[in-house]
Amino acid sequence: MKTLLTFAAAVTLSTSVLAGNMPDNKDMKPMHSQIMDKSSVEEILQNEDLQRLHREMTRYAMSEVGFDARVQMMTDEGRAYHKALKQRQKNTAR
């Protein structure tokens, strides 16, 4: 019983030490997540298919059409579109 308690304490301490030593995600960001320049933001936002999907996703939020649009936006292009929207909103808020 004493060894079981010692083992549990050792596992708990080692887990907390390992969790404290994990690096921040800020250091591990890939290069494509850097701030996009204004021309690339506008170029991404001109994509009519992504505009349509975003409109369906926001207009029909909880319906089947909205969920289908969300699934289709879960691509690299969709993520880039949302990042471009956020970047444009930040630029206009200044």
Protein backbone atom coordinates (compact mmCIF):
# COMPACT_ATOMS: atom_id res chain seq x y z
CA MET A 1 0.00 0.00 0.00
CA LYS A 2 2.84 2.37 0.85
CA THR A 3 4.54 1.68 -2.52
CA LEU A 4 1.27 2.31 -4.36
CA LEU A 5 0.89 5.68 -2.63
CA THR A 6 4.52 6.57 -3.39
CA PHE A 7 4.05 5.58 -7.03
CA ALA A 8 0.87 7.67 -7.36
CA ALA A 9 2.62 10.68 -5.82
CA ALA A 10 5.60 10.28 -8.17
CA VAL A 11 3.32 10.08 -11.23
CA THR A 12 1.37 13.14 -10.13
CA LEU A 13 4.50 15.20 -9.56
CA SER A 14 6.17 14.14 -12.80
CA THR A 15 3.03 14.90 -14.79
CA SER A 16 2.76 18.38 -13.35
CA VAL A 17 6.45 19.03 -14.01
CA LEU A 18 6.13 17.87 -17.61
CA ALA A 19 3.02 20.00 -18.13
CA GLY A 20 4.85 23.05 -16.80
CA ASN A 21 7.72 22.52 -19.23
CA MET A 22 5.58 22.51 -22.37
CA PRO A 23 6.49 25.36 -24.74
CA ASP A 24 3.95 28.00 -25.71
CA ASN A 25 2.14 27.63 -29.01
CA LYS A 26 3.39 31.11 -29.94
CA ASP A 27 6.86 29.72 -30.55
CA MET A 28 5.55 26.86 -32.68
CA LYS A 29 3.45 28.84 -35.17
CA PRO A 30 4.17 27.95 -38.77
CA MET A 31 5.39 30.58 -41.20
CA HIS A 32 2.07 30.83 -43.06
CA SER A 33 0.33 32.10 -39.95
CA GLN A 34 2.36 35.32 -39.98
CA ILE A 35 0.54 38.56 -40.70
CA MET A 36 -0.68 38.67 -44.27
CA ASP A 37 -0.10 41.70 -46.40
CA LYS A 38 -3.04 43.73 -47.63
CA SER A 39 -2.96 42.48 -51.23
CA SER A 40 -3.09 38.82 -50.25
CA VAL A 41 -5.98 39.50 -47.86
CA GLU A 42 -7.98 41.19 -50.62
CA GLU A 43 -7.12 38.42 -53.07
CA ILE A 44 -8.39 35.73 -50.70
CA LEU A 45 -11.55 37.69 -49.95
CA GLN A 46 -12.39 37.95 -53.68
CA ASN A 47 -13.01 34.18 -53.94
CA GLU A 48 -16.72 33.94 -54.77
CA ASP A 49 -17.09 30.32 -53.68
CA LEU A 50 -15.68 31.08 -50.24
CA GLN A 51 -17.88 34.18 -50.01
CA ARG A 52 -20.93 32.03 -50.77
CA LEU A 53 -19.94 29.38 -48.21
CA HIS A 54 -19.32 32.01 -45.55
CA ARG A 55 -22.66 33.65 -46.26
CA GLU A 56 -24.45 30.28 -45.99
CA MET A 57 -22.53 29.42 -42.86
CA THR A 58 -23.54 32.63 -41.11
CA ARG A 59 -27.06 32.98 -42.53
CA TYR A 60 -28.20 29.39 -41.96
CA ALA A 61 -26.16 28.82 -38.81
CA MET A 62 -27.88 25.88 -37.13
CA SER A 63 -29.58 24.36 -40.15
CA GLU A 64 -28.29 21.55 -42.32
CA VAL A 65 -27.19 24.02 -45.00
CA GLY A 66 -25.18 25.97 -42.41
CA PHE A 67 -23.48 22.85 -41.11
CA ASP A 68 -22.63 21.70 -44.63
CA ALA A 69 -21.09 25.10 -45.31
CA ARG A 70 -19.07 24.82 -42.08
CA VAL A 71 -17.74 21.42 -43.11
CA GLN A 72 -16.75 22.76 -46.52
CA MET A 73 -15.00 25.74 -44.91
CA MET A 74 -12.78 23.40 -42.83
CA THR A 75 -10.10 23.41 -45.49
CA ASP A 76 -6.90 25.39 -45.75
CA GLU A 77 -8.66 27.81 -48.09
CA GLY A 78 -11.52 28.26 -45.64
CA ARG A 79 -9.15 28.90 -42.76
CA ALA A 80 -7.23 31.40 -44.88
CA TYR A 81 -10.53 33.12 -45.75
CA HIS A 82 -11.47 33.48 -42.07
CA LYS A 83 -7.99 34.70 -41.22
CA ALA A 84 -8.25 37.28 -44.01
CA LEU A 85 -11.63 38.43 -42.67
CA LYS A 86 -10.14 38.90 -39.21
CA GLN A 87 -7.16 40.75 -40.65
CA ARG A 88 -9.45 43.09 -42.62
CA GLN A 89 -11.53 43.73 -39.52
CA LYS A 90 -8.39 44.60 -37.56
CA ASN A 91 -7.26 46.96 -40.30
CA THR A 92 -10.60 48.75 -40.47
CA ALA A 93 -10.85 49.02 -36.68
CA ARG A 94 -7.70 51.12 -36.46
